[in-house]
Amino acid sequence: MSANVYSVESLLVGKTYYSNTLQGEIIDAEKTSAVWYADCETYRVQVRPTYSKRGVYNKDTYRYLAVKVSD
């Protein structure tokens, strides 16, 4: 029996990112240690905005996401 194996990065890409100032599609993700959250892995994601309260459109931006890896 074989299993499909996915990385967290591949699961993040294509998802919609929402925050108070930005909404858009995650187009790239990479694991980083630049920011630390307890019991989480941190990823730097590239977001292509579809809507921004600041009025900035079509300019990719970067955000950090924490993904919980243990209970």
C-alpha atoms as a PDB file:
ATOM      1  CA  MET A   1       0.000   0.000   0.000  1.00  0.00           C
ATOM      2  CA  SER A   2       1.338   3.435  -0.856  1.00  0.00           C
ATOM      3  CA  ALA A   3       0.490   6.786   0.614  1.00  0.00           C
ATOM      4  CA  ASN A   4       0.450  10.297  -0.775  1.00  0.00           C
ATOM      5  CA  VAL A   5       3.060  12.322   1.071  1.00  0.00           C
ATOM      6  CA  TYR A   6       2.625  16.082   1.334  1.00  0.00           C
ATOM      7  CA  SER A   7       4.809  18.797   2.763  1.00  0.00           C
ATOM      8  CA  VAL A   8       3.356  21.663   4.779  1.00  0.00           C
ATOM      9  CA  GLU A   9       4.654  24.037   2.115  1.00  0.00           C
ATOM     10  CA  SER A  10       2.714  22.285  -0.636  1.00  0.00           C
ATOM     11  CA  LEU A  11      -0.445  22.296   1.490  1.00  0.00           C
ATOM     12  CA  LEU A  12      -0.164  26.059   2.126  1.00  0.00           C
ATOM     13  CA  VAL A  13       0.352  27.054  -1.516  1.00  0.00           C
ATOM     14  CA  GLY A  14      -2.948  27.868  -3.183  1.00  0.00           C
ATOM     15  CA  LYS A  15      -4.769  28.593   0.088  1.00  0.00           C
ATOM     16  CA  THR A  16      -6.366  31.955   0.811  1.00  0.00           C
ATOM     17  CA  TYR A  17      -4.639  34.153   3.394  1.00  0.00           C
ATOM     18  CA  TYR A  18      -6.791  36.471   5.520  1.00  0.00           C
ATOM     19  CA  SER A  19      -5.739  39.187   7.962  1.00  0.00           C
ATOM     20  CA  ASN A  20      -7.042  42.607   9.037  1.00  0.00           C
ATOM     21  CA  THR A  21      -5.061  44.323   6.286  1.00  0.00           C
ATOM     22  CA  LEU A  22      -4.631  41.706   3.578  1.00  0.00           C
ATOM     23  CA  GLN A  23      -6.540  39.051   1.689  1.00  0.00           C
ATOM     24  CA  GLY A  24      -4.925  37.027  -1.048  1.00  0.00           C
ATOM     25  CA  GLU A  25      -3.592  33.725  -2.316  1.00  0.00           C
ATOM     26  CA  ILE A  26      -0.477  32.084  -0.889  1.00  0.00           C
ATOM     27  CA  ILE A  27       1.780  31.499  -3.876  1.00  0.00           C
ATOM     28  CA  ASP A  28       4.941  30.323  -2.084  1.00  0.00           C
ATOM     29  CA  ALA A  29       5.903  29.035   1.372  1.00  0.00           C
ATOM     30  CA  GLU A  30       9.197  28.199   3.022  1.00  0.00           C
ATOM     31  CA  LYS A  31      10.008  26.990   6.510  1.00  0.00           C
ATOM     32  CA  THR A  32      11.965  29.490   8.596  1.00  0.00           C
ATOM     33  CA  SER A  33      13.381  29.874  12.070  1.00  0.00           C
ATOM     34  CA  ALA A  34      13.333  33.691  11.976  1.00  0.00           C
ATOM     35  CA  VAL A  35      10.199  33.787  14.153  1.00  0.00           C
ATOM     36  CA  TRP A  36       9.434  31.307  16.929  1.00  0.00           C
ATOM     37  CA  TYR A  37       6.065  30.197  18.317  1.00  0.00           C
ATOM     38  CA  ALA A  38       5.690  27.501  21.007  1.00  0.00           C
ATOM     39  CA  ASP A  39       4.867  24.028  19.604  1.00  0.00           C
ATOM     40  CA  CYS A  40       4.690  25.414  16.065  1.00  0.00           C
ATOM     41  CA  GLU A  41       6.675  25.469  12.860  1.00  0.00           C
ATOM     42  CA  THR A  42       6.969  28.891  11.250  1.00  0.00           C
ATOM     43  CA  TYR A  43       6.624  29.529   7.523  1.00  0.00           C
ATOM     44  CA  ARG A  44       7.320  32.644   5.493  1.00  0.00           C
ATOM     45  CA  VAL A  45       4.600  32.852   2.872  1.00  0.00           C
ATOM     46  CA  GLN A  46       4.371  34.986  -0.248  1.00  0.00           C
ATOM     47  CA  VAL A  47       0.859  36.389  -0.669  1.00  0.00           C
ATOM     48  CA  ARG A  48      -0.591  37.783  -3.893  1.00  0.00           C
ATOM     49  CA  PRO A  49      -3.312  40.241  -2.779  1.00  0.00           C
ATOM     50  CA  THR A  50      -6.828  40.081  -4.137  1.00  0.00           C
ATOM     51  CA  TYR A  51      -7.995  42.796  -1.739  1.00  0.00           C
ATOM     52  CA  SER A  52      -6.197  45.169   0.587  1.00  0.00           C
ATOM     53  CA  LYS A  53      -7.595  47.794   2.932  1.00  0.00           C
ATOM     54  CA  ARG A  54      -4.554  49.911   2.210  1.00  0.00           C
ATOM     55  CA  GLY A  55      -5.360  50.024  -1.493  1.00  0.00           C
ATOM     56  CA  VAL A  56      -2.272  48.120  -2.635  1.00  0.00           C
ATOM     57  CA  TYR A  57      -3.190  45.683  -5.404  1.00  0.00           C
ATOM     58  CA  ASN A  58      -1.186  43.102  -7.352  1.00  0.00           C
ATOM     59  CA  LYS A  59       1.964  43.629  -5.306  1.00  0.00           C
ATOM     60  CA  ASP A  60       3.114  40.442  -3.628  1.00  0.00           C
ATOM     61  CA  THR A  61       3.905  40.694   0.058  1.00  0.00           C
ATOM     62  CA  TYR A  62       5.251  38.351   2.723  1.00  0.00           C
ATOM     63  CA  ARG A  63       3.796  37.184   6.023  1.00  0.00           C
ATOM     64  CA  TYR A  64       4.754  34.671   8.703  1.00  0.00           C
ATOM     65  CA  LEU A  65       2.438  31.792   9.570  1.00  0.00           C
ATOM     66  CA  ALA A  66       2.686  29.470  12.555  1.00  0.00           C
ATOM     67  CA  VAL A  67       1.572  25.869  12.016  1.00  0.00           C
ATOM     68  CA  LYS A  68       0.895  23.819  15.140  1.00  0.00           C
ATOM     69  CA  VAL A  69       2.738  20.501  14.975  1.00  0.00           C
ATOM     70  CA  SER A  70       1.884  18.981  18.378  1.00  0.00           C
ATOM     71  CA  ASP A  71      -0.950  19.033  20.895  1.00  0.00           C
END
